[in-house]
Amino acid sequence: MIKRVLYIPLLILTLAACQFNNSSNDAVVVPTQANPDAIRTQNASTPPPAGFETVAYNPIDFNRDQLPNSYYEVTVNFEGQFTETGEEATGSLIMRVWEDGVLRRRRVILNFLGSEAISGGVMNLEAVRFENDFYLLDSNGICTQNNDAAREIATLTADRIVGGMTLALPTGVAEDVNGYTGYQYLFDAQDLIINIFATAPSAVDVVGGEVWALPEYNVAGRFGVSLNIHNAQILFGTQPVTGTLRYQYDLFDIGEAEGISLPNGC
């Protein structure tokens, strides 16, 4: 089932004139081809710990709020064309989030690159939450406080972009994932929760996907999906597109305190 991502029309109207600043264009790792039927019959070389015979992260950041501090990134890449005109359409997003659960502080940075396929004219944004106060800085250096756009971006979570999955099975592979011991799981397309579309596509083909669990913390450390889509609006995009969409979630710096301060200019 495809769910609809939270759309932020006030943000689009207010910040459509933003300019690009320096931003990252980190590539999304192409996920492994999902094949749960094969996983059920293979011999696991490194089985996960007891209690992790299967996992479900719906939303993807389930249980992460139990961590005192963390940092994570969400990366999105799209390559294709605008459905109605056939013109090339590319776009990427990197979302960076620092959280301090002890002091109730949060910092969110969004950087878009490429055409307006997924950005709809939104470029670079930084939002900070200080307990019950919310600040938003656009790339023109204009700061607003405690309005709807500031609250929306400062509280934006990974699952509202990358969704999650309701069931995943272990592959028997264990590797270092962002500095932690992670176990790889694959899932069937029917178990994937998709939240990234502003309007649902007429067709979706799940090319591959994987999730890496961190049993020590009972959270997902990495999650990646590759989709072929037809005629959909993605994130803040205002025109339907057709092509290949990849997104990935990565968790870092568990328990490490980050000094979260007001954005420069606020």
C-alpha atoms as a PDB file:
ATOM      1  CA  MET A   1       0.000   0.000   0.000  1.00  0.00           C
ATOM      2  CA  ILE A   2       1.305   3.415  -0.888  1.00  0.00           C
ATOM      3  CA  LYS A   3       0.921   6.117   1.711  1.00  0.00           C
ATOM      4  CA  ARG A   4       0.970   9.842   1.018  1.00  0.00           C
ATOM      5  CA  VAL A   5       3.876  11.866   2.346  1.00  0.00           C
ATOM      6  CA  LEU A   6       3.010  14.958   4.346  1.00  0.00           C
ATOM      7  CA  TYR A   7       2.984  17.849   1.888  1.00  0.00           C
ATOM      8  CA  ILE A   8       3.923  21.328   3.082  1.00  0.00           C
ATOM      9  CA  PRO A   9       2.211  23.925   0.874  1.00  0.00           C
ATOM     10  CA  LEU A  10       3.000  26.801   3.229  1.00  0.00           C
ATOM     11  CA  LEU A  11       6.688  26.004   2.929  1.00  0.00           C
ATOM     12  CA  ILE A  12       6.520  25.890  -0.862  1.00  0.00           C
ATOM     13  CA  LEU A  13       4.783  29.259  -1.079  1.00  0.00           C
ATOM     14  CA  THR A  14       7.055  30.946   1.440  1.00  0.00           C
ATOM     15  CA  LEU A  15      10.426  29.645   0.293  1.00  0.00           C
ATOM     16  CA  ALA A  16      10.135  29.094  -3.466  1.00  0.00           C
ATOM     17  CA  ALA A  17      12.674  31.881  -4.096  1.00  0.00           C
ATOM     18  CA  CYS A  18      15.514  30.256  -2.097  1.00  0.00           C
ATOM     19  CA  GLN A  19      18.975  30.026  -3.717  1.00  0.00           C
ATOM     20  CA  PHE A  20      21.366  27.046  -3.628  1.00  0.00           C
ATOM     21  CA  ASN A  21      24.260  27.091  -1.166  1.00  0.00           C
ATOM     22  CA  ASN A  22      26.975  24.452  -0.874  1.00  0.00           C
ATOM     23  CA  SER A  23      25.371  21.023  -0.449  1.00  0.00           C
ATOM     24  CA  SER A  24      26.205  17.353  -0.763  1.00  0.00           C
ATOM     25  CA  ASN A  25      25.307  15.115  -3.670  1.00  0.00           C
ATOM     26  CA  ASP A  26      26.155  11.838  -1.929  1.00  0.00           C
ATOM     27  CA  ALA A  27      25.085   8.858  -4.007  1.00  0.00           C
ATOM     28  CA  VAL A  28      22.470   6.455  -2.731  1.00  0.00           C
ATOM     29  CA  VAL A  29      23.734   2.888  -2.546  1.00  0.00           C
ATOM     30  CA  VAL A  30      21.715   0.611  -4.840  1.00  0.00           C
ATOM     31  CA  PRO A  31      20.007  -1.883  -2.517  1.00  0.00           C
ATOM     32  CA  THR A  32      20.315  -5.633  -2.875  1.00  0.00           C
ATOM     33  CA  GLN A  33      17.677  -7.363  -4.981  1.00  0.00           C
ATOM     34  CA  ALA A  34      15.040  -8.575  -2.538  1.00  0.00           C
ATOM     35  CA  ASN A  35      14.317 -12.318  -2.633  1.00  0.00           C
ATOM     36  CA  PRO A  36      12.819 -13.470   0.677  1.00  0.00           C
ATOM     37  CA  ASP A  37      11.875 -16.910  -0.706  1.00  0.00           C
ATOM     38  CA  ALA A  38      15.545 -17.651  -1.343  1.00  0.00           C
ATOM     39  CA  ILE A  39      16.481 -16.339   2.087  1.00  0.00           C
ATOM     40  CA  ARG A  40      14.188 -18.844   3.778  1.00  0.00           C
ATOM     41  CA  THR A  41      16.109 -21.772   2.272  1.00  0.00           C
ATOM     42  CA  GLN A  42      19.691 -20.580   2.514  1.00  0.00           C
ATOM     43  CA  ASN A  43      22.110 -21.471   5.292  1.00  0.00           C
ATOM     44  CA  ALA A  44      22.781 -18.408   7.404  1.00  0.00           C
ATOM     45  CA  SER A  45      26.501 -18.016   8.009  1.00  0.00           C
ATOM     46  CA  THR A  46      26.076 -15.375  10.708  1.00  0.00           C
ATOM     47  CA  PRO A  47      22.578 -15.536  12.184  1.00  0.00           C
ATOM     48  CA  PRO A  48      21.380 -12.509  14.156  1.00  0.00           C
ATOM     49  CA  PRO A  49      20.989 -12.690  17.945  1.00  0.00           C
ATOM     50  CA  ALA A  50      17.976 -14.316  19.560  1.00  0.00           C
ATOM     51  CA  GLY A  51      14.887 -12.172  19.226  1.00  0.00           C
ATOM     52  CA  PHE A  52      15.932 -10.875  15.811  1.00  0.00           C
ATOM     53  CA  GLU A  53      14.863 -13.837  13.680  1.00  0.00           C
ATOM     54  CA  THR A  54      12.682 -11.308  11.833  1.00  0.00           C
ATOM     55  CA  VAL A  55      12.426  -7.528  12.117  1.00  0.00           C
ATOM     56  CA  ALA A  56       9.803  -4.890  11.384  1.00  0.00           C
ATOM     57  CA  TYR A  57      10.591  -1.182  11.316  1.00  0.00           C
ATOM     58  CA  ASN A  58       7.385   0.693  10.614  1.00  0.00           C
ATOM     59  CA  PRO A  59       8.282   3.524  10.816  1.00  0.00           C
ATOM     60  CA  ILE A  60      11.942   3.068   9.885  1.00  0.00           C
ATOM     61  CA  ASP A  61      13.083   5.036  12.942  1.00  0.00           C
ATOM     62  CA  PHE A  62      11.045   2.889  15.329  1.00  0.00           C
ATOM     63  CA  ASN A  63      12.650   2.862  18.797  1.00  0.00           C
ATOM     64  CA  ARG A  64      15.231   5.505  17.853  1.00  0.00           C
ATOM     65  CA  ASP A  65      13.529   7.986  20.179  1.00  0.00           C
ATOM     66  CA  GLN A  66      14.749   5.783  23.061  1.00  0.00           C
ATOM     67  CA  LEU A  67      18.334   6.786  22.250  1.00  0.00           C
ATOM     68  CA  PRO A  68      19.559   9.830  24.214  1.00  0.00           C
ATOM     69  CA  ASN A  69      21.383  11.332  21.200  1.00  0.00           C
ATOM     70  CA  SER A  70      21.859  10.449  17.542  1.00  0.00           C
ATOM     71  CA  TYR A  71      22.600  11.740  14.066  1.00  0.00           C
ATOM     72  CA  TYR A  72      21.137  10.367  10.850  1.00  0.00           C
ATOM     73  CA  GLU A  73      20.999  11.083   7.142  1.00  0.00           C
ATOM     74  CA  VAL A  74      18.344  10.467   4.518  1.00  0.00           C
ATOM     75  CA  THR A  75      19.477  10.587   0.894  1.00  0.00           C
ATOM     76  CA  VAL A  76      17.158  10.589  -2.128  1.00  0.00           C
ATOM     77  CA  ASN A  77      18.111  10.405  -5.823  1.00  0.00           C
ATOM     78  CA  PHE A  78      15.784  10.529  -8.826  1.00  0.00           C
ATOM     79  CA  GLU A  79      16.675  10.099 -12.499  1.00  0.00           C
ATOM     80  CA  GLY A  80      14.092  10.192 -15.261  1.00  0.00           C
ATOM     81  CA  GLN A  81      11.865  12.639 -17.058  1.00  0.00           C
ATOM     82  CA  PHE A  82       8.845  14.827 -16.520  1.00  0.00           C
ATOM     83  CA  THR A  83       5.961  12.610 -17.585  1.00  0.00           C
ATOM     84  CA  GLU A  84       3.962  15.229 -19.467  1.00  0.00           C
ATOM     85  CA  THR A  85       6.805  16.843 -21.462  1.00  0.00           C
ATOM     86  CA  GLY A  86       9.434  14.094 -21.674  1.00  0.00           C
ATOM     87  CA  GLU A  87      12.108  16.575 -20.560  1.00  0.00           C
ATOM     88  CA  GLU A  88      14.963  15.265 -18.418  1.00  0.00           C
ATOM     89  CA  ALA A  89      14.233  15.392 -14.704  1.00  0.00           C
ATOM     90  CA  THR A  90      16.836  14.719 -12.039  1.00  0.00           C
ATOM     91  CA  GLY A  91      16.995  15.626  -8.404  1.00  0.00           C
ATOM     92  CA  SER A  92      18.621  14.704  -5.127  1.00  0.00           C
ATOM     93  CA  LEU A  93      18.076  15.454  -1.480  1.00  0.00           C
ATOM     94  CA  ILE A  94      20.251  14.975   1.544  1.00  0.00           C
ATOM     95  CA  MET A  95      18.546  15.432   4.893  1.00  0.00           C
ATOM     96  CA  ARG A  96      20.704  15.660   8.032  1.00  0.00           C
ATOM     97  CA  VAL A  97      19.209  15.405  11.502  1.00  0.00           C
ATOM     98  CA  TRP A  98      20.856  15.814  14.912  1.00  0.00           C
ATOM     99  CA  GLU A  99      18.793  14.949  17.983  1.00  0.00           C
ATOM    100  CA  ASP A 100      19.404  15.585  21.661  1.00  0.00           C
ATOM    101  CA  GLY A 101      16.675  13.762  23.530  1.00  0.00           C
ATOM    102  CA  VAL A 102      17.914  14.900  26.925  1.00  0.00           C
ATOM    103  CA  LEU A 103      17.729  18.645  26.213  1.00  0.00           C
ATOM    104  CA  ARG A 104      14.818  18.290  23.734  1.00  0.00           C
ATOM    105  CA  ARG A 105      16.777  19.915  20.937  1.00  0.00           C
ATOM    106  CA  ARG A 106      16.768  19.014  17.263  1.00  0.00           C
ATOM    107  CA  ARG A 107      18.487  20.328  14.126  1.00  0.00           C
ATOM    108  CA  VAL A 108      17.364  19.526  10.575  1.00  0.00           C
ATOM    109  CA  ILE A 109      19.149  20.533   7.349  1.00  0.00           C
ATOM    110  CA  LEU A 110      17.664  19.917   3.896  1.00  0.00           C
ATOM    111  CA  ASN A 111      19.779  20.351   0.744  1.00  0.00           C
ATOM    112  CA  PHE A 112      18.269  19.838  -2.726  1.00  0.00           C
ATOM    113  CA  LEU A 113      20.195  19.619  -5.999  1.00  0.00           C
ATOM    114  CA  GLY A 114      19.209  19.225  -9.639  1.00  0.00           C
ATOM    115  CA  SER A 115      15.953  20.122 -11.343  1.00  0.00           C
ATOM    116  CA  GLU A 116      12.689  20.686  -9.517  1.00  0.00           C
ATOM    117  CA  ALA A 117      11.690  17.041  -9.944  1.00  0.00           C
ATOM    118  CA  ILE A 118      11.583  16.496  -6.167  1.00  0.00           C
ATOM    119  CA  SER A 119      12.156  19.980  -4.725  1.00  0.00           C
ATOM    120  CA  GLY A 120       9.375  22.093  -6.230  1.00  0.00           C
ATOM    121  CA  GLY A 121      11.656  25.120  -5.885  1.00  0.00           C
ATOM    122  CA  VAL A 122      12.660  24.461  -2.265  1.00  0.00           C
ATOM    123  CA  MET A 123      16.451  24.568  -1.959  1.00  0.00           C
ATOM    124  CA  ASN A 124      18.446  24.789   1.287  1.00  0.00           C
ATOM    125  CA  LEU A 125      16.703  24.930   4.660  1.00  0.00           C
ATOM    126  CA  GLU A 126      17.826  24.703   8.267  1.00  0.00           C
ATOM    127  CA  ALA A 127      15.436  24.307  11.174  1.00  0.00           C
ATOM    128  CA  VAL A 128      16.100  23.965  14.895  1.00  0.00           C
ATOM    129  CA  ARG A 129      13.860  22.979  17.767  1.00  0.00           C
ATOM    130  CA  PHE A 130      14.654  24.252  21.264  1.00  0.00           C
ATOM    131  CA  GLU A 131      12.097  22.518  23.484  1.00  0.00           C
ATOM    132  CA  ASN A 132       8.866  24.257  22.428  1.00  0.00           C
ATOM    133  CA  ASP A 133      10.391  26.918  20.156  1.00  0.00           C
ATOM    134  CA  PHE A 134      11.031  26.390  16.436  1.00  0.00           C
ATOM    135  CA  TYR A 135      13.351  28.344  14.118  1.00  0.00           C
ATOM    136  CA  LEU A 136      13.703  28.179  10.333  1.00  0.00           C
ATOM    137  CA  LEU A 137      16.508  29.734   8.270  1.00  0.00           C
ATOM    138  CA  ASP A 138      16.322  29.932   4.472  1.00  0.00           C
ATOM    139  CA  SER A 139      19.326  30.313   2.175  1.00  0.00           C
ATOM    140  CA  ASN A 140      18.755  34.058   1.940  1.00  0.00           C
ATOM    141  CA  GLY A 141      19.500  34.298   5.653  1.00  0.00           C
ATOM    142  CA  ILE A 142      15.901  35.054   6.610  1.00  0.00           C
ATOM    143  CA  CYS A 143      14.897  33.512   9.923  1.00  0.00           C
ATOM    144  CA  THR A 144      11.322  32.859  11.026  1.00  0.00           C
ATOM    145  CA  GLN A 145      10.175  31.561  14.384  1.00  0.00           C
ATOM    146  CA  ASN A 146       7.279  29.413  15.593  1.00  0.00           C
ATOM    147  CA  ASN A 147       5.337  29.442  12.321  1.00  0.00           C
ATOM    148  CA  ASP A 148       3.902  26.369  10.594  1.00  0.00           C
ATOM    149  CA  ALA A 149       6.883  25.946   8.233  1.00  0.00           C
ATOM    150  CA  ALA A 150       9.407  26.114  11.096  1.00  0.00           C
ATOM    151  CA  ARG A 151       7.505  23.478  13.053  1.00  0.00           C
ATOM    152  CA  GLU A 152       7.089  21.197  10.025  1.00  0.00           C
ATOM    153  CA  ILE A 153      10.783  21.153   9.102  1.00  0.00           C
ATOM    154  CA  ALA A 154      12.138  21.071  12.670  1.00  0.00           C
ATOM    155  CA  THR A 155       9.993  18.003  13.421  1.00  0.00           C
ATOM    156  CA  LEU A 156      10.408  16.277  10.041  1.00  0.00           C
ATOM    157  CA  THR A 157      11.295  12.620  10.619  1.00  0.00           C
ATOM    158  CA  ALA A 158      12.933  10.003   8.411  1.00  0.00           C
ATOM    159  CA  ASP A 159       9.838   7.828   8.131  1.00  0.00           C
ATOM    160  CA  ARG A 160       7.855  10.618   6.478  1.00  0.00           C
ATOM    161  CA  ILE A 161      10.299  10.307   3.561  1.00  0.00           C
ATOM    162  CA  VAL A 162      11.527   6.701   3.491  1.00  0.00           C
ATOM    163  CA  GLY A 163       8.640   4.902   5.231  1.00  0.00           C
ATOM    164  CA  GLY A 164       9.636   1.469   6.516  1.00  0.00           C
ATOM    165  CA  MET A 165       8.726  -2.212   6.272  1.00  0.00           C
ATOM    166  CA  THR A 166       6.407  -4.580   8.140  1.00  0.00           C
ATOM    167  CA  LEU A 167       8.519  -7.757   7.818  1.00  0.00           C
ATOM    168  CA  ALA A 168      12.137  -8.503   6.870  1.00  0.00           C
ATOM    169  CA  LEU A 169      14.112 -11.766   6.987  1.00  0.00           C
ATOM    170  CA  PRO A 170      17.828 -12.204   7.772  1.00  0.00           C
ATOM    171  CA  THR A 171      20.351 -13.107   5.061  1.00  0.00           C
ATOM    172  CA  GLY A 172      23.033 -14.394   7.422  1.00  0.00           C
ATOM    173  CA  VAL A 173      25.304 -11.453   6.611  1.00  0.00           C
ATOM    174  CA  ALA A 174      26.813  -9.312   9.377  1.00  0.00           C
ATOM    175  CA  GLU A 175      28.964  -6.270   8.663  1.00  0.00           C
ATOM    176  CA  ASP A 176      30.084  -2.975  10.118  1.00  0.00           C
ATOM    177  CA  VAL A 177      27.332  -0.417   9.517  1.00  0.00           C
ATOM    178  CA  ASN A 178      28.389   3.141  10.296  1.00  0.00           C
ATOM    179  CA  GLY A 179      30.585   1.906  13.142  1.00  0.00           C
ATOM    180  CA  TYR A 180      28.151  -0.638  14.617  1.00  0.00           C
ATOM    181  CA  THR A 181      27.564  -4.366  14.129  1.00  0.00           C
ATOM    182  CA  GLY A 182      24.707  -4.678  11.661  1.00  0.00           C
ATOM    183  CA  TYR A 183      22.764  -7.669  10.318  1.00  0.00           C
ATOM    184  CA  GLN A 184      21.310  -7.594   6.827  1.00  0.00           C
ATOM    185  CA  TYR A 185      17.634  -8.354   6.165  1.00  0.00           C
ATOM    186  CA  LEU A 186      15.613  -8.398   2.945  1.00  0.00           C
ATOM    187  CA  PHE A 187      11.882  -7.951   2.501  1.00  0.00           C
ATOM    188  CA  ASP A 188       9.155  -8.614  -0.027  1.00  0.00           C
ATOM    189  CA  ALA A 189       7.602  -5.755  -1.986  1.00  0.00           C
ATOM    190  CA  GLN A 190       4.273  -6.287  -0.245  1.00  0.00           C
ATOM    191  CA  ASP A 191       5.920  -5.560   3.106  1.00  0.00           C
ATOM    192  CA  LEU A 192       7.383  -2.210   2.038  1.00  0.00           C
ATOM    193  CA  ILE A 193       5.749   0.980   3.350  1.00  0.00           C
ATOM    194  CA  ILE A 194       6.214   3.879   0.893  1.00  0.00           C
ATOM    195  CA  ASN A 195       5.667   7.441   2.122  1.00  0.00           C
ATOM    196  CA  ILE A 196       7.710   9.489  -0.331  1.00  0.00           C
ATOM    197  CA  PHE A 197       5.056  10.374  -2.926  1.00  0.00           C
ATOM    198  CA  ALA A 198       3.039  13.603  -2.876  1.00  0.00           C
ATOM    199  CA  THR A 199       0.690  11.947  -5.378  1.00  0.00           C
ATOM    200  CA  ALA A 200       0.667   8.191  -5.884  1.00  0.00           C
ATOM    201  CA  PRO A 201       2.240   6.823  -9.083  1.00  0.00           C
ATOM    202  CA  SER A 202       0.209   4.869 -11.591  1.00  0.00           C
ATOM    203  CA  ALA A 203       2.805   2.071 -11.388  1.00  0.00           C
ATOM    204  CA  VAL A 204       5.612   1.093  -8.988  1.00  0.00           C
ATOM    205  CA  ASP A 205       8.187  -1.655  -9.466  1.00  0.00           C
ATOM    206  CA  VAL A 206      10.308  -2.453  -6.399  1.00  0.00           C
ATOM    207  CA  VAL A 207      13.728  -3.220  -7.883  1.00  0.00           C
ATOM    208  CA  GLY A 208      15.443  -3.988  -4.589  1.00  0.00           C
ATOM    209  CA  GLY A 209      15.694  -3.159  -0.944  1.00  0.00           C
ATOM    210  CA  GLU A 210      17.482  -4.031   2.283  1.00  0.00           C
ATOM    211  CA  VAL A 211      17.571  -3.095   5.937  1.00  0.00           C
ATOM    212  CA  TRP A 212      20.416  -3.512   8.426  1.00  0.00           C
ATOM    213  CA  ALA A 213      19.400  -4.015  12.046  1.00  0.00           C
ATOM    214  CA  LEU A 214      21.563  -3.012  15.010  1.00  0.00           C
ATOM    215  CA  PRO A 215      20.459  -5.502  17.702  1.00  0.00           C
ATOM    216  CA  GLU A 216      22.588  -3.828  20.375  1.00  0.00           C
ATOM    217  CA  TYR A 217      20.316  -0.779  20.159  1.00  0.00           C
ATOM    218  CA  ASN A 218      17.191  -2.435  18.711  1.00  0.00           C
ATOM    219  CA  VAL A 219      17.040   0.049  15.814  1.00  0.00           C
ATOM    220  CA  ALA A 220      17.575   0.102  12.064  1.00  0.00           C
ATOM    221  CA  GLY A 221      21.058   1.306  11.171  1.00  0.00           C
ATOM    222  CA  ARG A 222      20.570   1.442   7.407  1.00  0.00           C
ATOM    223  CA  PHE A 223      17.622   1.105   5.027  1.00  0.00           C
ATOM    224  CA  GLY A 224      17.710   1.393   1.244  1.00  0.00           C
ATOM    225  CA  VAL A 225      15.153   1.006  -1.534  1.00  0.00           C
ATOM    226  CA  SER A 226      15.269   1.240  -5.334  1.00  0.00           C
ATOM    227  CA  LEU A 227      12.030   1.806  -7.298  1.00  0.00           C
ATOM    228  CA  ASN A 228      10.977   2.268 -10.889  1.00  0.00           C
ATOM    229  CA  ILE A 229       7.983   4.598 -10.887  1.00  0.00           C
ATOM    230  CA  HIS A 230       5.572   6.003 -13.450  1.00  0.00           C
ATOM    231  CA  ASN A 231       3.695   9.304 -13.253  1.00  0.00           C
ATOM    232  CA  ALA A 232       4.193  10.399  -9.638  1.00  0.00           C
ATOM    233  CA  GLN A 233       4.968  13.564  -7.724  1.00  0.00           C
ATOM    234  CA  ILE A 234       7.842  13.079  -5.287  1.00  0.00           C
ATOM    235  CA  LEU A 235       8.310  15.002  -2.032  1.00  0.00           C
ATOM    236  CA  PHE A 236       7.855  18.728  -2.827  1.00  0.00           C
ATOM    237  CA  GLY A 237       7.779  18.211  -6.618  1.00  0.00           C
ATOM    238  CA  THR A 238       4.833  19.826  -8.392  1.00  0.00           C
ATOM    239  CA  GLN A 239       5.037  17.947 -11.710  1.00  0.00           C
ATOM    240  CA  PRO A 240       4.599  14.189 -12.256  1.00  0.00           C
ATOM    241  CA  VAL A 241       7.759  12.298 -13.184  1.00  0.00           C
ATOM    242  CA  THR A 242       8.701   8.843 -14.469  1.00  0.00           C
ATOM    243  CA  GLY A 243      12.014   7.108 -13.803  1.00  0.00           C
ATOM    244  CA  THR A 244      14.194   5.502 -11.138  1.00  0.00           C
ATOM    245  CA  LEU A 245      13.966   6.547  -7.497  1.00  0.00           C
ATOM    246  CA  ARG A 246      16.443   5.483  -4.814  1.00  0.00           C
ATOM    247  CA  TYR A 247      16.459   6.455  -1.170  1.00  0.00           C
ATOM    248  CA  GLN A 248      18.503   5.500   1.868  1.00  0.00           C
ATOM    249  CA  TYR A 249      18.494   6.051   5.629  1.00  0.00           C
ATOM    250  CA  ASP A 250      21.707   5.860   7.711  1.00  0.00           C
ATOM    251  CA  LEU A 251      22.051   6.179  11.483  1.00  0.00           C
ATOM    252  CA  PHE A 252      25.285   7.464  13.066  1.00  0.00           C
ATOM    253  CA  ASP A 253      26.734   8.729  16.355  1.00  0.00           C
ATOM    254  CA  ILE A 254      24.446   6.866  18.733  1.00  0.00           C
ATOM    255  CA  GLY A 255      24.679   8.357  22.221  1.00  0.00           C
ATOM    256  CA  GLU A 256      27.086  11.093  21.169  1.00  0.00           C
ATOM    257  CA  ALA A 257      25.990  14.551  22.268  1.00  0.00           C
ATOM    258  CA  GLU A 258      26.000  17.241  19.566  1.00  0.00           C
ATOM    259  CA  GLY A 259      25.946  20.900  20.515  1.00  0.00           C
ATOM    260  CA  ILE A 260      22.745  22.119  18.860  1.00  0.00           C
ATOM    261  CA  SER A 261      22.498  25.891  18.691  1.00  0.00           C
ATOM    262  CA  LEU A 262      20.341  28.442  16.914  1.00  0.00           C
ATOM    263  CA  PRO A 263      20.942  28.803  13.153  1.00  0.00           C
ATOM    264  CA  ASN A 264      23.232  31.682  12.237  1.00  0.00           C
ATOM    265  CA  GLY A 265      20.983  34.681  11.712  1.00  0.00           C
ATOM    266  CA  CYS A 266      18.286  33.651  14.183  1.00  0.00           C
END
